[in-house]
Amino acid sequence: MRFRYSKRINLGGGLGLNISETGISTSLRTKAESISNNGLSVRNRCFWCVVQKTI
């Protein structure tokens, strides 16, 4: 089994700095979506589940 390391540092206002084995990136999060270098990730919440799709 492979061990992966990642850490997110909150910079305030939904802006964050992501640190992982592959490098450093930034992201902007809201309640329904996350925008990062990898694209837009949209979360749809219902009563008992969370569905996440990367566009």
PDB file of N, CA and C in Angstrom:
ATOM      1  N   MET A   1       0.848  -1.179   0.000  1.00  0.00           N
ATOM      2  CA  MET A   1       0.000   0.000   0.000  1.00  0.00           C
ATOM      3  C   MET A   1       0.894   1.243   0.000  1.00  0.00           C
ATOM      4  N   ARG A   2       0.524   2.222  -0.807  1.00  0.00           N
ATOM      5  CA  ARG A   2       1.309   3.446  -0.954  1.00  0.00           C
ATOM      6  C   ARG A   2       0.811   4.510   0.013  1.00  0.00           C
ATOM      7  N   PHE A   3       1.722   5.230   0.616  1.00  0.00           N
ATOM      8  CA  PHE A   3       1.394   6.320   1.515  1.00  0.00           C
ATOM      9  C   PHE A   3       1.532   7.628   0.755  1.00  0.00           C
ATOM     10  N   ARG A   4       0.504   8.482   0.767  1.00  0.00           N
ATOM     11  CA  ARG A   4       0.539   9.772   0.091  1.00  0.00           C
ATOM     12  C   ARG A   4       0.435  10.893   1.113  1.00  0.00           C
ATOM     13  N   TYR A   5       1.162  11.973   0.838  1.00  0.00           N
ATOM     14  CA  TYR A   5       1.148  13.125   1.736  1.00  0.00           C
ATOM     15  C   TYR A   5       0.565  14.324   1.005  1.00  0.00           C
ATOM     16  N   SER A   6      -0.388  14.984   1.641  1.00  0.00           N
ATOM     17  CA  SER A   6      -0.892  16.258   1.126  1.00  0.00           C
ATOM     18  C   SER A   6      -1.357  17.104   2.297  1.00  0.00           C
ATOM     19  N   LYS A   7      -1.212  18.400   2.147  1.00  0.00           N
ATOM     20  CA  LYS A   7      -1.577  19.347   3.203  1.00  0.00           C
ATOM     21  C   LYS A   7      -2.161  20.579   2.543  1.00  0.00           C
ATOM     22  N   ARG A   8      -3.255  21.101   3.101  1.00  0.00           N
ATOM     23  CA  ARG A   8      -3.871  22.332   2.601  1.00  0.00           C
ATOM     24  C   ARG A   8      -3.746  23.400   3.672  1.00  0.00           C
ATOM     25  N   ILE A   9      -3.174  24.538   3.294  1.00  0.00           N
ATOM     26  CA  ILE A   9      -3.025  25.672   4.204  1.00  0.00           C
ATOM     27  C   ILE A   9      -4.047  26.720   3.805  1.00  0.00           C
ATOM     28  N   ASN A  10      -4.939  27.067   4.727  1.00  0.00           N
ATOM     29  CA  ASN A  10      -5.992  28.035   4.458  1.00  0.00           C
ATOM     30  C   ASN A  10      -5.422  29.452   4.534  1.00  0.00           C
ATOM     31  N   LEU A  11      -5.596  30.208   3.448  1.00  0.00           N
ATOM     32  CA  LEU A  11      -5.104  31.583   3.400  1.00  0.00           C
ATOM     33  C   LEU A  11      -6.215  32.599   3.649  1.00  0.00           C
ATOM     34  N   GLY A  12      -7.434  32.135   3.895  1.00  0.00           N
ATOM     35  CA  GLY A  12      -8.564  33.008   4.173  1.00  0.00           C
ATOM     36  C   GLY A  12      -9.394  33.290   2.940  1.00  0.00           C
ATOM     37  N   GLY A  13     -10.680  33.494   3.133  1.00  0.00           N
ATOM     38  CA  GLY A  13     -11.585  33.827   2.047  1.00  0.00           C
ATOM     39  C   GLY A  13     -11.775  32.705   1.035  1.00  0.00           C
ATOM     40  N   GLY A  14     -11.551  31.471   1.427  1.00  0.00           N
ATOM     41  CA  GLY A  14     -11.705  30.338   0.528  1.00  0.00           C
ATOM     42  C   GLY A  14     -10.465  30.009  -0.277  1.00  0.00           C
ATOM     43  N   LEU A  15      -9.438  30.844  -0.194  1.00  0.00           N
ATOM     44  CA  LEU A  15      -8.191  30.625  -0.925  1.00  0.00           C
ATOM     45  C   LEU A  15      -7.292  29.713  -0.114  1.00  0.00           C
ATOM     46  N   GLY A  16      -6.673  28.754  -0.790  1.00  0.00           N
ATOM     47  CA  GLY A  16      -5.820  27.825  -0.086  1.00  0.00           C
ATOM     48  C   GLY A  16      -4.570  27.476  -0.861  1.00  0.00           C
ATOM     49  N   LEU A  17      -3.557  27.036  -0.159  1.00  0.00           N
ATOM     50  CA  LEU A  17      -2.297  26.593  -0.738  1.00  0.00           C
ATOM     51  C   LEU A  17      -2.207  25.095  -0.482  1.00  0.00           C
ATOM     52  N   ASN A  18      -2.123  24.304  -1.558  1.00  0.00           N
ATOM     53  CA  ASN A  18      -2.079  22.850  -1.463  1.00  0.00           C
ATOM     54  C   ASN A  18      -0.651  22.371  -1.661  1.00  0.00           C
ATOM     55  N   ILE A  19      -0.162  21.569  -0.723  1.00  0.00           N
ATOM     56  CA  ILE A  19       1.191  21.029  -0.798  1.00  0.00           C
ATOM     57  C   ILE A  19       1.081  19.509  -0.818  1.00  0.00           C
ATOM     58  N   SER A  20       1.706  18.882  -1.826  1.00  0.00           N
ATOM     59  CA  SER A  20       1.689  17.427  -1.930  1.00  0.00           C
ATOM     60  C   SER A  20       3.040  16.938  -2.430  1.00  0.00           C
ATOM     61  N   GLU A  21       3.156  15.628  -2.636  1.00  0.00           N
ATOM     62  CA  GLU A  21       4.400  15.049  -3.123  1.00  0.00           C
ATOM     63  C   GLU A  21       4.768  15.578  -4.500  1.00  0.00           C
ATOM     64  N   THR A  22       3.766  15.891  -5.314  1.00  0.00           N
ATOM     65  CA  THR A  22       4.024  16.293  -6.698  1.00  0.00           C
ATOM     66  C   THR A  22       4.275  17.788  -6.854  1.00  0.00           C
ATOM     67  N   GLY A  23       4.005  18.601  -5.824  1.00  0.00           N
ATOM     68  CA  GLY A  23       4.274  20.023  -5.922  1.00  0.00           C
ATOM     69  C   GLY A  23       3.329  20.876  -5.107  1.00  0.00           C
ATOM     70  N   ILE A  24       3.280  22.156  -5.459  1.00  0.00           N
ATOM     71  CA  ILE A  24       2.472  23.142  -4.744  1.00  0.00           C
ATOM     72  C   ILE A  24       1.480  23.763  -5.729  1.00  0.00           C
ATOM     73  N   SER A  25       0.228  23.938  -5.300  1.00  0.00           N
ATOM     74  CA  SER A  25      -0.778  24.581  -6.136  1.00  0.00           C
ATOM     75  C   SER A  25      -1.703  25.399  -5.253  1.00  0.00           C
ATOM     76  N   THR A  26      -2.506  26.233  -5.890  1.00  0.00           N
ATOM     77  CA  THR A  26      -3.488  27.036  -5.166  1.00  0.00           C
ATOM     78  C   THR A  26      -4.881  26.617  -5.582  1.00  0.00           C
ATOM     79  N   SER A  27      -5.861  26.900  -4.728  1.00  0.00           N
ATOM     80  CA  SER A  27      -7.243  26.608  -5.061  1.00  0.00           C
ATOM     81  C   SER A  27      -8.158  27.606  -4.369  1.00  0.00           C
ATOM     82  N   LEU A  28      -9.320  27.794  -4.949  1.00  0.00           N
ATOM     83  CA  LEU A  28     -10.347  28.673  -4.411  1.00  0.00           C
ATOM     84  C   LEU A  28     -11.588  27.834  -4.190  1.00  0.00           C
ATOM     85  N   ARG A  29     -12.097  27.795  -2.962  1.00  0.00           N
ATOM     86  CA  ARG A  29     -13.249  26.967  -2.622  1.00  0.00           C
ATOM     87  C   ARG A  29     -14.455  27.815  -2.242  1.00  0.00           C
ATOM     88  N   THR A  30     -15.628  27.355  -2.680  1.00  0.00           N
ATOM     89  CA  THR A  30     -16.901  27.893  -2.228  1.00  0.00           C
ATOM     90  C   THR A  30     -17.714  26.712  -1.708  1.00  0.00           C
ATOM     91  N   LYS A  31     -18.955  26.946  -1.329  1.00  0.00           N
ATOM     92  CA  LYS A  31     -19.779  25.847  -0.832  1.00  0.00           C
ATOM     93  C   LYS A  31     -20.047  24.796  -1.900  1.00  0.00           C
ATOM     94  N   ALA A  32     -20.205  25.232  -3.149  1.00  0.00           N
ATOM     95  CA  ALA A  32     -20.622  24.312  -4.200  1.00  0.00           C
ATOM     96  C   ALA A  32     -19.520  23.935  -5.179  1.00  0.00           C
ATOM     97  N   GLU A  33     -18.391  24.659  -5.194  1.00  0.00           N
ATOM     98  CA  GLU A  33     -17.380  24.353  -6.191  1.00  0.00           C
ATOM     99  C   GLU A  33     -15.981  24.689  -5.701  1.00  0.00           C
ATOM    100  N   SER A  34     -15.006  24.143  -6.412  1.00  0.00           N
ATOM    101  CA  SER A  34     -13.600  24.388  -6.125  1.00  0.00           C
ATOM    102  C   SER A  34     -12.884  24.620  -7.446  1.00  0.00           C
ATOM    103  N   ILE A  35     -12.139  25.710  -7.549  1.00  0.00           N
ATOM    104  CA  ILE A  35     -11.394  26.036  -8.755  1.00  0.00           C
ATOM    105  C   ILE A  35      -9.914  25.910  -8.431  1.00  0.00           C
ATOM    106  N   SER A  36      -9.203  25.088  -9.226  1.00  0.00           N
ATOM    107  CA  SER A  36      -7.772  24.891  -9.001  1.00  0.00           C
ATOM    108  C   SER A  36      -7.069  24.752 -10.342  1.00  0.00           C
ATOM    109  N   ASN A  37      -5.786  24.430 -10.282  1.00  0.00           N
ATOM    110  CA  ASN A  37      -5.004  24.231 -11.502  1.00  0.00           C
ATOM    111  C   ASN A  37      -5.530  23.045 -12.309  1.00  0.00           C
ATOM    112  N   ASN A  38      -6.166  22.085 -11.650  1.00  0.00           N
ATOM    113  CA  ASN A  38      -6.686  20.897 -12.325  1.00  0.00           C
ATOM    114  C   ASN A  38      -8.028  21.140 -12.984  1.00  0.00           C
ATOM    115  N   GLY A  39      -8.657  22.266 -12.735  1.00  0.00           N
ATOM    116  CA  GLY A  39      -9.948  22.575 -13.337  1.00  0.00           C
ATOM    117  C   GLY A  39     -10.983  22.920 -12.287  1.00  0.00           C
ATOM    118  N   LEU A  40     -12.241  22.768 -12.663  1.00  0.00           N
ATOM    119  CA  LEU A  40     -13.377  23.102 -11.808  1.00  0.00           C
ATOM    120  C   LEU A  40     -13.980  21.821 -11.252  1.00  0.00           C
ATOM    121  N   SER A  41     -14.156  21.749  -9.957  1.00  0.00           N
ATOM    122  CA  SER A  41     -14.772  20.608  -9.302  1.00  0.00           C
ATOM    123  C   SER A  41     -16.079  21.072  -8.675  1.00  0.00           C
ATOM    124  N   VAL A  42     -17.192  20.445  -9.058  1.00  0.00           N
ATOM    125  CA  VAL A  42     -18.519  20.842  -8.593  1.00  0.00           C
ATOM    126  C   VAL A  42     -19.059  19.773  -7.658  1.00  0.00           C
ATOM    127  N   ARG A  43     -19.568  20.212  -6.500  1.00  0.00           N
ATOM    128  CA  ARG A  43     -20.158  19.301  -5.522  1.00  0.00           C
ATOM    129  C   ARG A  43     -21.661  19.524  -5.474  1.00  0.00           C
ATOM    130  N   ASN A  44     -22.424  18.444  -5.514  1.00  0.00           N
ATOM    131  CA  ASN A  44     -23.875  18.495  -5.411  1.00  0.00           C
ATOM    132  C   ASN A  44     -24.273  17.777  -4.127  1.00  0.00           C
ATOM    133  N   ARG A  45     -24.866  18.490  -3.210  1.00  0.00           N
ATOM    134  CA  ARG A  45     -25.226  17.910  -1.909  1.00  0.00           C
ATOM    135  C   ARG A  45     -26.715  17.623  -1.848  1.00  0.00           C
ATOM    136  N   CYS A  46     -27.039  16.434  -1.383  1.00  0.00           N
ATOM    137  CA  CYS A  46     -28.419  16.114  -1.049  1.00  0.00           C
ATOM    138  C   CYS A  46     -28.436  15.719   0.424  1.00  0.00           C
ATOM    139  N   PHE A  47     -29.495  15.180   0.913  1.00  0.00           N
ATOM    140  CA  PHE A  47     -29.638  14.936   2.353  1.00  0.00           C
ATOM    141  C   PHE A  47     -28.606  13.979   2.920  1.00  0.00           C
ATOM    142  N   TRP A  48     -28.231  12.949   2.203  1.00  0.00           N
ATOM    143  CA  TRP A  48     -27.377  11.920   2.766  1.00  0.00           C
ATOM    144  C   TRP A  48     -26.094  11.659   1.974  1.00  0.00           C
ATOM    145  N   CYS A  49     -25.873  12.386   0.874  1.00  0.00           N
ATOM    146  CA  CYS A  49     -24.693  12.087   0.067  1.00  0.00           C
ATOM    147  C   CYS A  49     -24.098  13.351  -0.538  1.00  0.00           C
ATOM    148  N   VAL A  50     -22.872  13.219  -0.993  1.00  0.00           N
ATOM    149  CA  VAL A  50     -22.182  14.287  -1.709  1.00  0.00           C
ATOM    150  C   VAL A  50     -21.662  13.690  -3.007  1.00  0.00           C
ATOM    151  N   VAL A  51     -22.037  14.274  -4.134  1.00  0.00           N
ATOM    152  CA  VAL A  51     -21.575  13.824  -5.447  1.00  0.00           C
ATOM    153  C   VAL A  51     -20.609  14.869  -5.974  1.00  0.00           C
ATOM    154  N   GLN A  52     -19.399  14.438  -6.359  1.00  0.00           N
ATOM    155  CA  GLN A  52     -18.388  15.376  -6.808  1.00  0.00           C
ATOM    156  C   GLN A  52     -17.956  15.023  -8.222  1.00  0.00           C
ATOM    157  N   LYS A  53     -17.906  16.014  -9.104  1.00  0.00           N
ATOM    158  CA  LYS A  53     -17.533  15.820 -10.503  1.00  0.00           C
ATOM    159  C   LYS A  53     -16.497  16.858 -10.888  1.00  0.00           C
ATOM    160  N   THR A  54     -15.376  16.420 -11.467  1.00  0.00           N
ATOM    161  CA  THR A  54     -14.343  17.344 -11.936  1.00  0.00           C
ATOM    162  C   THR A  54     -14.575  17.603 -13.416  1.00  0.00           C
ATOM    163  N   ILE A  55     -14.660  18.867 -13.773  1.00  0.00           N
ATOM    164  CA  ILE A  55     -14.933  19.261 -15.159  1.00  0.00           C
ATOM    165  C   ILE A  55     -13.652  19.708 -15.815  1.00  0.00           C
TER     166      ILE A  55
END
